[in-house]
Amino acid sequence: VAAFVGYLLILLGIGIYSSRFSSEGISEFFIGGRKMNRFVIAL
């Protein structure tokens, strides 16, 4: 449970980290403003 909760907290942290960028417009919210890194897109 501890390992799994740690995983969930990381997901929440990513959501909070991304919120400011994604609030700029619907292009940012739906396709990341067409600024996504090649490695991120691959995975």
Full PDB file with SEQRES, HELIX, SHEET, SSBOND, CRYST1, ORIGX, SCALE, CONECT and MASTER records, all heavy atoms in Angstrom:
SEQRES   1 A   43  VAL ALA ALA PHE VAL GLY TYR LEU LEU ILE LEU LEU GLY          
SEQRES   2 A   43  ILE GLY ILE TYR SER SER ARG PHE SER SER GLU GLY ILE          
SEQRES   3 A   43  SER GLU PHE PHE ILE GLY GLY ARG LYS MET ASN ARG PHE          
SEQRES   4 A   43  VAL ILE ALA LEU                                              
HELIX    1 AA1 ALA A    2  SER A   22  1                                  21    
HELIX    2 AA2 ILE A   26  ILE A   31  1                                   6    
HELIX    3 AA3 GLY A   32  ARG A   34  5                                   3    
HELIX    4 AA4 ARG A   38  ALA A   42  1                                   5    
CRYST1    1.000    1.000    1.000  90.00  90.00  90.00 P 1           1          
ORIGX1      1.000000  0.000000  0.000000        0.00000                         
ORIGX2      0.000000  1.000000  0.000000        0.00000                         
ORIGX3      0.000000  0.000000  1.000000        0.00000                         
SCALE1      1.000000  0.000000  0.000000        0.00000                         
SCALE2      0.000000  1.000000  0.000000        0.00000                         
SCALE3      0.000000  0.000000  1.000000        0.00000                         
ATOM      1  N   VAL A   1       0.835  -1.202   0.000  1.00  0.00           N  
ATOM      2  CA  VAL A   1       0.000   0.000   0.000  1.00  0.00           C  
ATOM      3  C   VAL A   1       0.866   1.245   0.000  1.00  0.00           C  
ATOM      4  O   VAL A   1       0.588   2.221  -0.713  1.00  0.00           O  
ATOM      5  CB  VAL A   1      -0.950  -0.003   1.218  1.00  0.00           C  
ATOM      6  CG1 VAL A   1      -1.637   1.350   1.355  1.00  0.00           C  
ATOM      7  CG2 VAL A   1      -1.990  -1.106   1.078  1.00  0.00           C  
ATOM      8  N   ALA A   2       1.942   1.254   0.790  1.00  0.00           N  
ATOM      9  CA  ALA A   2       2.830   2.418   0.855  1.00  0.00           C  
ATOM     10  C   ALA A   2       3.447   2.707  -0.514  1.00  0.00           C  
ATOM     11  O   ALA A   2       3.511   3.864  -0.942  1.00  0.00           O  
ATOM     12  CB  ALA A   2       3.924   2.177   1.897  1.00  0.00           C  
ATOM     13  N   ALA A   3       3.894   1.668  -1.209  1.00  0.00           N  
ATOM     14  CA  ALA A   3       4.480   1.856  -2.543  1.00  0.00           C  
ATOM     15  C   ALA A   3       3.448   2.410  -3.516  1.00  0.00           C  
ATOM     16  O   ALA A   3       3.733   3.311  -4.314  1.00  0.00           O  
ATOM     17  CB  ALA A   3       5.032   0.525  -3.056  1.00  0.00           C  
ATOM     18  N   PHE A   4       2.236   1.888  -3.417  1.00  0.00           N  
ATOM     19  CA  PHE A   4       1.178   2.333  -4.322  1.00  0.00           C  
ATOM     20  C   PHE A   4       0.765   3.777  -4.032  1.00  0.00           C  
ATOM     21  O   PHE A   4       0.560   4.574  -4.943  1.00  0.00           O  
ATOM     22  CB  PHE A   4      -0.031   1.402  -4.196  1.00  0.00           C  
ATOM     23  CG  PHE A   4      -1.146   1.723  -5.151  1.00  0.00           C  
ATOM     24  CD1 PHE A   4      -1.022   1.431  -6.490  1.00  0.00           C  
ATOM     25  CD2 PHE A   4      -2.307   2.338  -4.707  1.00  0.00           C  
ATOM     26  CE1 PHE A   4      -2.039   1.732  -7.383  1.00  0.00           C  
ATOM     27  CE2 PHE A   4      -3.326   2.639  -5.581  1.00  0.00           C  
ATOM     28  CZ  PHE A   4      -3.191   2.340  -6.923  1.00  0.00           C  
ATOM     29  N   VAL A   5       0.658   4.132  -2.750  1.00  0.00           N  
ATOM     30  CA  VAL A   5       0.297   5.502  -2.381  1.00  0.00           C  
ATOM     31  C   VAL A   5       1.370   6.480  -2.863  1.00  0.00           C  
ATOM     32  O   VAL A   5       1.066   7.586  -3.325  1.00  0.00           O  
ATOM     33  CB  VAL A   5       0.094   5.618  -0.851  1.00  0.00           C  
ATOM     34  CG1 VAL A   5      -0.013   7.081  -0.425  1.00  0.00           C  
ATOM     35  CG2 VAL A   5      -1.159   4.861  -0.433  1.00  0.00           C  
ATOM     36  N   GLY A   6       2.629   6.088  -2.757  1.00  0.00           N  
ATOM     37  CA  GLY A   6       3.709   6.930  -3.269  1.00  0.00           C  
ATOM     38  C   GLY A   6       3.548   7.214  -4.748  1.00  0.00           C  
ATOM     39  O   GLY A   6       3.751   8.343  -5.214  1.00  0.00           O  
ATOM     40  N   TYR A   7       3.162   6.195  -5.478  1.00  0.00           N  
ATOM     41  CA  TYR A   7       2.908   6.339  -6.916  1.00  0.00           C  
ATOM     42  C   TYR A   7       1.772   7.341  -7.179  1.00  0.00           C  
ATOM     43  O   TYR A   7       1.877   8.222  -8.031  1.00  0.00           O  
ATOM     44  CB  TYR A   7       2.573   4.958  -7.485  1.00  0.00           C  
ATOM     45  CG  TYR A   7       1.757   4.936  -8.742  1.00  0.00           C  
ATOM     46  CD1 TYR A   7       2.337   5.191  -9.974  1.00  0.00           C  
ATOM     47  CD2 TYR A   7       0.392   4.629  -8.713  1.00  0.00           C  
ATOM     48  CE1 TYR A   7       1.586   5.147 -11.140  1.00  0.00           C  
ATOM     49  CE2 TYR A   7      -0.365   4.584  -9.861  1.00  0.00           C  
ATOM     50  CZ  TYR A   7       0.246   4.848 -11.077  1.00  0.00           C  
ATOM     51  OH  TYR A   7      -0.500   4.812 -12.227  1.00  0.00           O  
ATOM     52  N   LEU A   8       0.692   7.241  -6.410  1.00  0.00           N  
ATOM     53  CA  LEU A   8      -0.442   8.150  -6.590  1.00  0.00           C  
ATOM     54  C   LEU A   8      -0.072   9.591  -6.266  1.00  0.00           C  
ATOM     55  O   LEU A   8      -0.523  10.529  -6.927  1.00  0.00           O  
ATOM     56  CB  LEU A   8      -1.617   7.699  -5.715  1.00  0.00           C  
ATOM     57  CG  LEU A   8      -2.243   6.343  -6.040  1.00  0.00           C  
ATOM     58  CD1 LEU A   8      -3.399   6.064  -5.094  1.00  0.00           C  
ATOM     59  CD2 LEU A   8      -2.716   6.297  -7.487  1.00  0.00           C  
ATOM     60  N   LEU A   9       0.755   9.797  -5.256  1.00  0.00           N  
ATOM     61  CA  LEU A   9       1.179  11.146  -4.893  1.00  0.00           C  
ATOM     62  C   LEU A   9       2.013  11.790  -5.999  1.00  0.00           C  
ATOM     63  O   LEU A   9       1.913  12.995  -6.245  1.00  0.00           O  
ATOM     64  CB  LEU A   9       1.986  11.103  -3.581  1.00  0.00           C  
ATOM     65  CG  LEU A   9       1.178  10.792  -2.316  1.00  0.00           C  
ATOM     66  CD1 LEU A   9       2.107  10.654  -1.113  1.00  0.00           C  
ATOM     67  CD2 LEU A   9       0.121  11.874  -2.063  1.00  0.00           C  
ATOM     68  N   ILE A  10       2.801  10.984  -6.676  1.00  0.00           N  
ATOM     69  CA  ILE A  10       3.580  11.502  -7.804  1.00  0.00           C  
ATOM     70  C   ILE A  10       2.645  11.960  -8.926  1.00  0.00           C  
ATOM     71  O   ILE A  10       2.835  13.018  -9.533  1.00  0.00           O  
ATOM     72  CB  ILE A  10       4.570  10.431  -8.312  1.00  0.00           C  
ATOM     73  CG1 ILE A  10       5.645  10.168  -7.259  1.00  0.00           C  
ATOM     74  CG2 ILE A  10       5.225  10.885  -9.622  1.00  0.00           C  
ATOM     75  CD1 ILE A  10       6.572   9.031  -7.593  1.00  0.00           C  
ATOM     76  N   LEU A  11       1.602  11.177  -9.199  1.00  0.00           N  
ATOM     77  CA  LEU A  11       0.626  11.566 -10.223  1.00  0.00           C  
ATOM     78  C   LEU A  11      -0.038  12.894  -9.872  1.00  0.00           C  
ATOM     79  O   LEU A  11      -0.204  13.773 -10.728  1.00  0.00           O  
ATOM     80  CB  LEU A  11      -0.449  10.491 -10.383  1.00  0.00           C  
ATOM     81  CG  LEU A  11      -0.035   9.122 -10.916  1.00  0.00           C  
ATOM     82  CD1 LEU A  11      -1.271   8.273 -11.165  1.00  0.00           C  
ATOM     83  CD2 LEU A  11       0.782   9.244 -12.182  1.00  0.00           C  
ATOM     84  N   LEU A  12      -0.417  13.041  -8.621  1.00  0.00           N  
ATOM     85  CA  LEU A  12      -1.047  14.284  -8.175  1.00  0.00           C  
ATOM     86  C   LEU A  12      -0.087  15.460  -8.330  1.00  0.00           C  
ATOM     87  O   LEU A  12      -0.472  16.549  -8.763  1.00  0.00           O  
ATOM     88  CB  LEU A  12      -1.490  14.149  -6.714  1.00  0.00           C  
ATOM     89  CG  LEU A  12      -2.177  15.379  -6.087  1.00  0.00           C  
ATOM     90  CD1 LEU A  12      -3.444  15.728  -6.867  1.00  0.00           C  
ATOM     91  CD2 LEU A  12      -2.501  15.120  -4.626  1.00  0.00           C  
ATOM     92  N   GLY A  13       1.183  15.227  -7.981  1.00  0.00           N  
ATOM     93  CA  GLY A  13       2.186  16.280  -8.128  1.00  0.00           C  
ATOM     94  C   GLY A  13       2.353  16.720  -9.571  1.00  0.00           C  
ATOM     95  O   GLY A  13       2.491  17.919  -9.862  1.00  0.00           O  
ATOM     96  N   ILE A  14       2.310  15.765 -10.495  1.00  0.00           N  
ATOM     97  CA  ILE A  14       2.413  16.094 -11.919  1.00  0.00           C  
ATOM     98  C   ILE A  14       1.226  16.940 -12.362  1.00  0.00           C  
ATOM     99  O   ILE A  14       1.365  17.901 -13.125  1.00  0.00           O  
ATOM    100  CB  ILE A  14       2.517  14.810 -12.767  1.00  0.00           C  
ATOM    101  CG1 ILE A  14       3.861  14.117 -12.519  1.00  0.00           C  
ATOM    102  CG2 ILE A  14       2.351  15.121 -14.264  1.00  0.00           C  
ATOM    103  CD1 ILE A  14       3.986  12.763 -13.171  1.00  0.00           C  
ATOM    104  N   GLY A  15       0.034  16.604 -11.876  1.00  0.00           N  
ATOM    105  CA  GLY A  15      -1.160  17.380 -12.218  1.00  0.00           C  
ATOM    106  C   GLY A  15      -1.057  18.813 -11.744  1.00  0.00           C  
ATOM    107  O   GLY A  15      -1.379  19.753 -12.472  1.00  0.00           O  
ATOM    108  N   ILE A  16      -0.591  19.010 -10.500  1.00  0.00           N  
ATOM    109  CA  ILE A  16      -0.438  20.356  -9.949  1.00  0.00           C  
ATOM    110  C   ILE A  16       0.634  21.129 -10.719  1.00  0.00           C  
ATOM    111  O   ILE A  16       0.463  22.308 -11.063  1.00  0.00           O  
ATOM    112  CB  ILE A  16      -0.082  20.280  -8.450  1.00  0.00           C  
ATOM    113  CG1 ILE A  16      -1.253  19.663  -7.671  1.00  0.00           C  
ATOM    114  CG2 ILE A  16       0.270  21.652  -7.897  1.00  0.00           C  
ATOM    115  CD1 ILE A  16      -0.923  19.344  -6.226  1.00  0.00           C  
ATOM    116  N   TYR A  17       1.744  20.462 -11.020  1.00  0.00           N  
ATOM    117  CA  TYR A  17       2.836  21.091 -11.767  1.00  0.00           C  
ATOM    118  C   TYR A  17       2.380  21.568 -13.143  1.00  0.00           C  
ATOM    119  O   TYR A  17       2.781  22.628 -13.622  1.00  0.00           O  
ATOM    120  CB  TYR A  17       3.990  20.085 -11.911  1.00  0.00           C  
ATOM    121  CG  TYR A  17       5.025  20.468 -12.938  1.00  0.00           C  
ATOM    122  CD1 TYR A  17       5.997  21.424 -12.657  1.00  0.00           C  
ATOM    123  CD2 TYR A  17       5.021  19.861 -14.205  1.00  0.00           C  
ATOM    124  CE1 TYR A  17       6.942  21.769 -13.619  1.00  0.00           C  
ATOM    125  CE2 TYR A  17       5.967  20.202 -15.162  1.00  0.00           C  
ATOM    126  CZ  TYR A  17       6.930  21.161 -14.865  1.00  0.00           C  
ATOM    127  OH  TYR A  17       7.855  21.506 -15.817  1.00  0.00           O  
ATOM    128  N   SER A  18       1.507  20.805 -13.787  1.00  0.00           N  
ATOM    129  CA  SER A  18       1.082  21.103 -15.158  1.00  0.00           C  
ATOM    130  C   SER A  18      -0.069  22.099 -15.230  1.00  0.00           C  
ATOM    131  O   SER A  18      -0.368  22.602 -16.322  1.00  0.00           O  
ATOM    132  CB  SER A  18       0.639  19.803 -15.853  1.00  0.00           C  
ATOM    133  OG  SER A  18       1.625  18.810 -15.755  1.00  0.00           O  
ATOM    134  N   SER A  19      -0.708  22.387 -14.125  1.00  0.00           N  
ATOM    135  CA  SER A  19      -1.967  23.146 -14.155  1.00  0.00           C  
ATOM    136  C   SER A  19      -1.804  24.552 -14.706  1.00  0.00           C  
ATOM    137  O   SER A  19      -2.659  25.046 -15.445  1.00  0.00           O  
ATOM    138  CB  SER A  19      -2.578  23.197 -12.756  1.00  0.00           C  
ATOM    139  OG  SER A  19      -1.704  23.843 -11.853  1.00  0.00           O  
ATOM    140  N   ARG A  20      -0.714  25.223 -14.374  1.00  0.00           N  
ATOM    141  CA  ARG A  20      -0.535  26.607 -14.833  1.00  0.00           C  
ATOM    142  C   ARG A  20      -0.406  26.668 -16.352  1.00  0.00           C  
ATOM    143  O   ARG A  20      -1.046  27.486 -17.009  1.00  0.00           O  
ATOM    144  CB  ARG A  20       0.698  27.220 -14.169  1.00  0.00           C  
ATOM    145  CG  ARG A  20       0.894  28.689 -14.520  1.00  0.00           C  
ATOM    146  CD  ARG A  20       2.040  29.292 -13.737  1.00  0.00           C  
ATOM    147  NE  ARG A  20       2.236  30.692 -14.082  1.00  0.00           N  
ATOM    148  CZ  ARG A  20       3.176  31.468 -13.558  1.00  0.00           C  
ATOM    149  NH1 ARG A  20       4.001  30.965 -12.639  1.00  0.00           N  
ATOM    150  NH2 ARG A  20       3.284  32.723 -13.939  1.00  0.00           N  
ATOM    151  N   PHE A  21       0.431  25.801 -16.915  1.00  0.00           N  
ATOM    152  CA  PHE A  21       0.612  25.783 -18.368  1.00  0.00           C  
ATOM    153  C   PHE A  21      -0.696  25.440 -19.078  1.00  0.00           C  
ATOM    154  O   PHE A  21      -1.071  26.079 -20.059  1.00  0.00           O  
ATOM    155  CB  PHE A  21       1.687  24.754 -18.737  1.00  0.00           C  
ATOM    156  CG  PHE A  21       1.808  24.512 -20.213  1.00  0.00           C  
ATOM    157  CD1 PHE A  21       2.502  25.386 -21.031  1.00  0.00           C  
ATOM    158  CD2 PHE A  21       1.214  23.391 -20.803  1.00  0.00           C  
ATOM    159  CE1 PHE A  21       2.608  25.166 -22.398  1.00  0.00           C  
ATOM    160  CE2 PHE A  21       1.308  23.157 -22.156  1.00  0.00           C  
ATOM    161  CZ  PHE A  21       2.022  24.049 -22.965  1.00  0.00           C  
ATOM    162  N   SER A  22      -1.408  24.447 -18.579  1.00  0.00           N  
ATOM    163  CA  SER A  22      -2.614  23.976 -19.254  1.00  0.00           C  
ATOM    164  C   SER A  22      -3.777  24.948 -19.141  1.00  0.00           C  
ATOM    165  O   SER A  22      -4.777  24.795 -19.849  1.00  0.00           O  
ATOM    166  CB  SER A  22      -3.023  22.611 -18.684  1.00  0.00           C  
ATOM    167  OG  SER A  22      -2.032  21.651 -18.948  1.00  0.00           O  
ATOM    168  N   SER A  23      -3.667  25.945 -18.268  1.00  0.00           N  
ATOM    169  CA  SER A  23      -4.739  26.934 -18.100  1.00  0.00           C  
ATOM    170  C   SER A  23      -4.656  28.061 -19.125  1.00  0.00           C  
ATOM    171  O   SER A  23      -5.547  28.909 -19.195  1.00  0.00           O  
ATOM    172  CB  SER A  23      -4.694  27.524 -16.682  1.00  0.00           C  
ATOM    173  OG  SER A  23      -4.921  26.525 -15.711  1.00  0.00           O  
ATOM    174  N   GLU A  24      -3.597  28.099 -19.931  1.00  0.00           N  
ATOM    175  CA  GLU A  24      -3.386  29.219 -20.845  1.00  0.00           C  
ATOM    176  C   GLU A  24      -4.373  29.225 -22.011  1.00  0.00           C  
ATOM    177  O   GLU A  24      -4.739  30.283 -22.531  1.00  0.00           O  
ATOM    178  CB  GLU A  24      -1.948  29.199 -21.369  1.00  0.00           C  
ATOM    179  CG  GLU A  24      -0.915  29.464 -20.273  1.00  0.00           C  
ATOM    180  CD  GLU A  24       0.508  29.404 -20.792  1.00  0.00           C  
ATOM    181  OE1 GLU A  24       0.689  29.266 -22.026  1.00  0.00           O  
ATOM    182  OE2 GLU A  24       1.436  29.482 -19.974  1.00  0.00           O  
ATOM    183  N   GLY A  25      -4.793  28.062 -22.479  1.00  0.00           N  
ATOM    184  CA  GLY A  25      -5.723  28.000 -23.608  1.00  0.00           C  
ATOM    185  C   GLY A  25      -6.061  26.562 -23.960  1.00  0.00           C  
ATOM    186  O   GLY A  25      -5.443  25.625 -23.444  1.00  0.00           O  
ATOM    187  N   ILE A  26      -7.036  26.381 -24.872  1.00  0.00           N  
ATOM    188  CA  ILE A  26      -7.450  25.007 -25.171  1.00  0.00           C  
ATOM    189  C   ILE A  26      -6.407  24.250 -25.984  1.00  0.00           C  
ATOM    190  O   ILE A  26      -6.345  23.033 -25.937  1.00  0.00           O  
ATOM    191  CB  ILE A  26      -8.822  24.956 -25.882  1.00  0.00           C  
ATOM    192  CG1 ILE A  26      -8.823  25.777 -27.176  1.00  0.00           C  
ATOM    193  CG2 ILE A  26      -9.923  25.410 -24.944  1.00  0.00           C  
ATOM    194  CD1 ILE A  26     -10.077  25.576 -27.986  1.00  0.00           C  
ATOM    195  N   SER A  27      -5.567  24.971 -26.738  1.00  0.00           N  
ATOM    196  CA  SER A  27      -4.483  24.281 -27.430  1.00  0.00           C  
ATOM    197  C   SER A  27      -3.530  23.666 -26.406  1.00  0.00           C  
ATOM    198  O   SER A  27      -3.091  22.524 -26.558  1.00  0.00           O  
ATOM    199  CB  SER A  27      -3.713  25.250 -28.336  1.00  0.00           C  
ATOM    200  OG  SER A  27      -2.608  24.599 -28.927  1.00  0.00           O  
ATOM    201  N   GLU A  28      -3.220  24.420 -25.350  1.00  0.00           N  
ATOM    202  CA  GLU A  28      -2.363  23.904 -24.281  1.00  0.00           C  
ATOM    203  C   GLU A  28      -3.066  22.790 -23.514  1.00  0.00           C  
ATOM    204  O   GLU A  28      -2.444  21.784 -23.153  1.00  0.00           O  
ATOM    205  CB  GLU A  28      -1.987  25.038 -23.321  1.00  0.00           C  
ATOM    206  CG  GLU A  28      -0.968  26.030 -23.856  1.00  0.00           C  
ATOM    207  CD  GLU A  28      -1.570  27.010 -24.857  1.00  0.00           C  
ATOM    208  OE1 GLU A  28      -2.820  27.086 -24.950  1.00  0.00           O  
ATOM    209  OE2 GLU A  28      -0.802  27.695 -25.555  1.00  0.00           O  
ATOM    210  N   PHE A  29      -4.369  22.952 -23.264  1.00  0.00           N  
ATOM    211  CA  PHE A  29      -5.107  21.967 -22.461  1.00  0.00           C  
ATOM    212  C   PHE A  29      -5.274  20.642 -23.197  1.00  0.00           C  
ATOM    213  O   PHE A  29      -5.169  19.574 -22.593  1.00  0.00           O  
ATOM    214  CB  PHE A  29      -6.485  22.523 -22.086  1.00  0.00           C  
ATOM    215  CG  PHE A  29      -7.201  21.705 -21.047  1.00  0.00           C  
ATOM    216  CD1 PHE A  29      -6.863  21.812 -19.704  1.00  0.00           C  
ATOM    217  CD2 PHE A  29      -8.208  20.821 -21.396  1.00  0.00           C  
ATOM    218  CE1 PHE A  29      -7.511  21.052 -18.736  1.00  0.00           C  
ATOM    219  CE2 PHE A  29      -8.862  20.054 -20.435  1.00  0.00           C  
ATOM    220  CZ  PHE A  29      -8.508  20.179 -19.097  1.00  0.00           C  
ATOM    221  N   PHE A  30      -5.524  20.692 -24.524  1.00  0.00           N  
ATOM    222  CA  PHE A  30      -5.844  19.466 -25.263  1.00  0.00           C  
ATOM    223  C   PHE A  30      -4.670  18.845 -26.012  1.00  0.00           C  
ATOM    224  O   PHE A  30      -4.635  17.628 -26.196  1.00  0.00           O  
ATOM    225  CB  PHE A  30      -6.989  19.717 -26.242  1.00  0.00           C  
ATOM    226  CG  PHE A  30      -8.325  19.885 -25.567  1.00  0.00           C  
ATOM    227  CD1 PHE A  30      -9.113  20.993 -25.829  1.00  0.00           C  
ATOM    228  CD2 PHE A  30      -8.786  18.955 -24.664  1.00  0.00           C  
ATOM    229  CE1 PHE A  30     -10.335  21.160 -25.206  1.00  0.00           C  
ATOM    230  CE2 PHE A  30     -10.012  19.119 -24.025  1.00  0.00           C  
ATOM    231  CZ  PHE A  30     -10.786  20.225 -24.298  1.00  0.00           C  
ATOM    232  N   ILE A  31      -3.684  19.664 -26.466  1.00  0.00           N  
ATOM    233  CA  ILE A  31      -2.528  19.074 -27.179  1.00  0.00           C  
ATOM    234  C   ILE A  31      -1.206  19.670 -26.727  1.00  0.00           C  
ATOM    235  O   ILE A  31      -0.214  19.639 -27.457  1.00  0.00           O  
ATOM    236  CB  ILE A  31      -2.665  19.193 -28.720  1.00  0.00           C  
ATOM    237  CG1 ILE A  31      -2.834  20.656 -29.138  1.00  0.00           C  
ATOM    238  CG2 ILE A  31      -3.780  18.328 -29.250  1.00  0.00           C  
ATOM    239  CD1 ILE A  31      -2.700  20.858 -30.646  1.00  0.00           C  
ATOM    240  N   GLY A  32      -1.197  20.207 -25.506  1.00  0.00           N  
ATOM    241  CA  GLY A  32       0.061  20.705 -24.943  1.00  0.00           C  
ATOM    242  C   GLY A  32       0.684  21.846 -25.715  1.00  0.00           C  
ATOM    243  O   GLY A  32       1.912  22.038 -25.665  1.00  0.00           O  
ATOM    244  N   GLY A  33      -0.140  22.617 -26.441  1.00  0.00           N  
ATOM    245  CA  GLY A  33       0.383  23.750 -27.201  1.00  0.00           C  
ATOM    246  C   GLY A  33       1.326  23.349 -28.319  1.00  0.00           C  
ATOM    247  O   GLY A  33       2.109  24.164 -28.822  1.00  0.00           O  
ATOM    248  N   ARG A  34       1.283  22.102 -28.730  1.00  0.00           N  
ATOM    249  CA  ARG A  34       2.204  21.549 -29.729  1.00  0.00           C  
ATOM    250  C   ARG A  34       3.662  21.794 -29.323  1.00  0.00           C  
ATOM    251  O   ARG A  34       4.514  22.143 -30.140  1.00  0.00           O  
ATOM    252  CB  ARG A  34       1.926  22.145 -31.123  1.00  0.00           C  
ATOM    253  CG  ARG A  34       0.983  21.297 -31.943  1.00  0.00           C  
ATOM    254  CD  ARG A  34       0.810  21.848 -33.349  1.00  0.00           C  
ATOM    255  NE  ARG A  34      -0.260  22.810 -33.397  1.00  0.00           N  
ATOM    256  CZ  ARG A  34      -1.535  22.513 -33.617  1.00  0.00           C  
ATOM    257  NH1 ARG A  34      -1.872  21.266 -33.814  1.00  0.00           N  
ATOM    258  NH2 ARG A  34      -2.450  23.437 -33.649  1.00  0.00           N  
ATOM    259  N   LYS A  35       3.944  21.569 -28.049  1.00  0.00           N  
ATOM    260  CA  LYS A  35       5.299  21.802 -27.523  1.00  0.00           C  
ATOM    261  C   LYS A  35       5.859  20.571 -26.817  1.00  0.00           C  
ATOM    262  O   LYS A  35       6.800  20.669 -26.030  1.00  0.00           O  
ATOM    263  CB  LYS A  35       5.271  22.976 -26.537  1.00  0.00           C  
ATOM    264  CG  LYS A  35       4.864  24.309 -27.162  1.00  0.00           C  
ATOM    265  CD  LYS A  35       4.784  25.404 -26.110  1.00  0.00           C  
ATOM    266  CE  LYS A  35       4.327  26.725 -26.731  1.00  0.00           C  
ATOM    267  NZ  LYS A  35       4.175  27.796 -25.706  1.00  0.00           N  
ATOM    268  N   MET A  36       5.297  19.412 -27.105  1.00  0.00           N  
ATOM    269  CA  MET A  36       5.686  18.217 -26.362  1.00  0.00           C  
ATOM    270  C   MET A  36       6.993  17.618 -26.890  1.00  0.00           C  
ATOM    271  O   MET A  36       7.212  17.529 -28.101  1.00  0.00           O  
ATOM    272  CB  MET A  36       4.575  17.173 -26.423  1.00  0.00           C  
ATOM    273  CG  MET A  36       3.222  17.679 -25.904  1.00  0.00           C  
ATOM    274  SD  MET A  36       3.279  18.381 -24.255  1.00  0.00           S  
ATOM    275  CE  MET A  36       3.740  16.954 -23.302  1.00  0.00           C  
ATOM    276  N   ASN A  37       7.831  17.202 -25.960  1.00  0.00           N  
ATOM    277  CA  ASN A  37       9.121  16.601 -26.264  1.00  0.00           C  
ATOM    278  C   ASN A  37       8.974  15.255 -26.975  1.00  0.00           C  
ATOM    279  O   ASN A  37       8.020  14.518 -26.741  1.00  0.00           O  
ATOM    280  CB  ASN A  37       9.880  16.432 -24.939  1.00  0.00           C  
ATOM    281  CG  ASN A  37      11.189  15.714 -25.091  1.00  0.00           C  
ATOM    282  OD1 ASN A  37      11.244  14.489 -25.063  1.00  0.00           O  
ATOM    283  ND2 ASN A  37      12.245  16.479 -25.258  1.00  0.00           N  
ATOM    284  N   ARG A  38       9.936  14.914 -27.817  1.00  0.00           N  
ATOM    285  CA  ARG A  38       9.872  13.682 -28.622  1.00  0.00           C  
ATOM    286  C   ARG A  38       9.835  12.421 -27.760  1.00  0.00           C  
ATOM    287  O   ARG A  38       9.193  11.432 -28.104  1.00  0.00           O  
ATOM    288  CB  ARG A  38      11.060  13.624 -29.582  1.00  0.00           C  
ATOM    289  CG  ARG A  38      12.428  13.621 -28.888  1.00  0.00           C  
ATOM    290  CD  ARG A  38      13.565  13.711 -29.893  1.00  0.00           C  
ATOM    291  NE  ARG A  38      14.867  13.610 -29.216  1.00  0.00           N  
ATOM    292  CZ  ARG A  38      16.029  13.590 -29.859  1.00  0.00           C  
ATOM    293  NH1 ARG A  38      16.050  13.670 -31.178  1.00  0.00           N  
ATOM    294  NH2 ARG A  38      17.160  13.487 -29.190  1.00  0.00           N  
ATOM    295  N   PHE A  39      10.540  12.438 -26.625  1.00  0.00           N  
ATOM    296  CA  PHE A  39      10.556  11.272 -25.748  1.00  0.00           C  
ATOM    297  C   PHE A  39       9.203  11.092 -25.064  1.00  0.00           C  
ATOM    298  O   PHE A  39       8.685   9.973 -24.969  1.00  0.00           O  
ATOM    299  CB  PHE A  39      11.654  11.429 -24.696  1.00  0.00           C  
ATOM    300  CG  PHE A  39      11.829  10.235 -23.807  1.00  0.00           C  
ATOM    301  CD1 PHE A  39      12.441   9.081 -24.278  1.00  0.00           C  
ATOM    302  CD2 PHE A  39      11.391  10.254 -22.492  1.00  0.00           C  
ATOM    303  CE1 PHE A  39      12.615   7.974 -23.461  1.00  0.00           C  
ATOM    304  CE2 PHE A  39      11.552   9.156 -21.664  1.00  0.00           C  
ATOM    305  CZ  PHE A  39      12.171   8.013 -22.144  1.00  0.00           C  
ATOM    306  N   VAL A  40       8.625  12.202 -24.606  1.00  0.00           N  
ATOM    307  CA  VAL A  40       7.302  12.159 -23.971  1.00  0.00           C  
ATOM    308  C   VAL A  40       6.268  11.626 -24.961  1.00  0.00           C  
ATOM    309  O   VAL A  40       5.439  10.783 -24.623  1.00  0.00           O  
ATOM    310  CB  VAL A  40       6.892  13.554 -23.464  1.00  0.00           C  
ATOM    311  CG1 VAL A  40       5.462  13.536 -22.936  1.00  0.00           C  
ATOM    312  CG2 VAL A  40       7.846  14.024 -22.362  1.00  0.00           C  
ATOM    313  N   ILE A  41       6.317  12.130 -26.203  1.00  0.00           N  
ATOM    314  CA  ILE A  41       5.363  11.690 -27.226  1.00  0.00           C  
ATOM    315  C   ILE A  41       5.535  10.207 -27.535  1.00  0.00           C  
ATOM    316  O   ILE A  41       4.554   9.459 -27.681  1.00  0.00           O  
ATOM    317  CB  ILE A  41       5.527  12.528 -28.511  1.00  0.00           C  
ATOM    318  CG1 ILE A  41       5.034  13.962 -28.278  1.00  0.00           C  
ATOM    319  CG2 ILE A  41       4.766  11.892 -29.680  1.00  0.00           C  
ATOM    320  CD1 ILE A  41       3.577  14.077 -27.888  1.00  0.00           C  
ATOM    321  N   ALA A  42       6.779   9.750 -27.628  1.00  0.00           N  
ATOM    322  CA  ALA A  42       7.034   8.339 -27.941  1.00  0.00           C  
ATOM    323  C   ALA A  42       6.391   7.427 -26.915  1.00  0.00           C  
ATOM    324  O   ALA A  42       5.673   6.482 -27.258  1.00  0.00           O  
ATOM    325  CB  ALA A  42       8.540   8.086 -28.003  1.00  0.00           C  
ATOM    326  N   LEU A  43       6.623   7.721 -25.636  1.00  0.00           N  
ATOM    327  CA  LEU A  43       6.091   6.864 -24.579  1.00  0.00           C  
ATOM    328  C   LEU A  43       4.596   7.051 -24.403  1.00  0.00           C  
ATOM    329  O   LEU A  43       3.850   6.081 -24.213  1.00  0.00           O  
ATOM    330  CB  LEU A  43       6.822   7.140 -23.258  1.00  0.00           C  
ATOM    331  CG  LEU A  43       8.041   6.264 -22.983  1.00  0.00           C  
ATOM    332  CD1 LEU A  43       9.074   6.391 -24.098  1.00  0.00           C  
ATOM    333  CD2 LEU A  43       8.673   6.651 -21.641  1.00  0.00           C  
TER     334      LEU A  43                                                      
MASTER        0    0    0    4    0    0    0    6  333    1    0    4          
END                                                                             
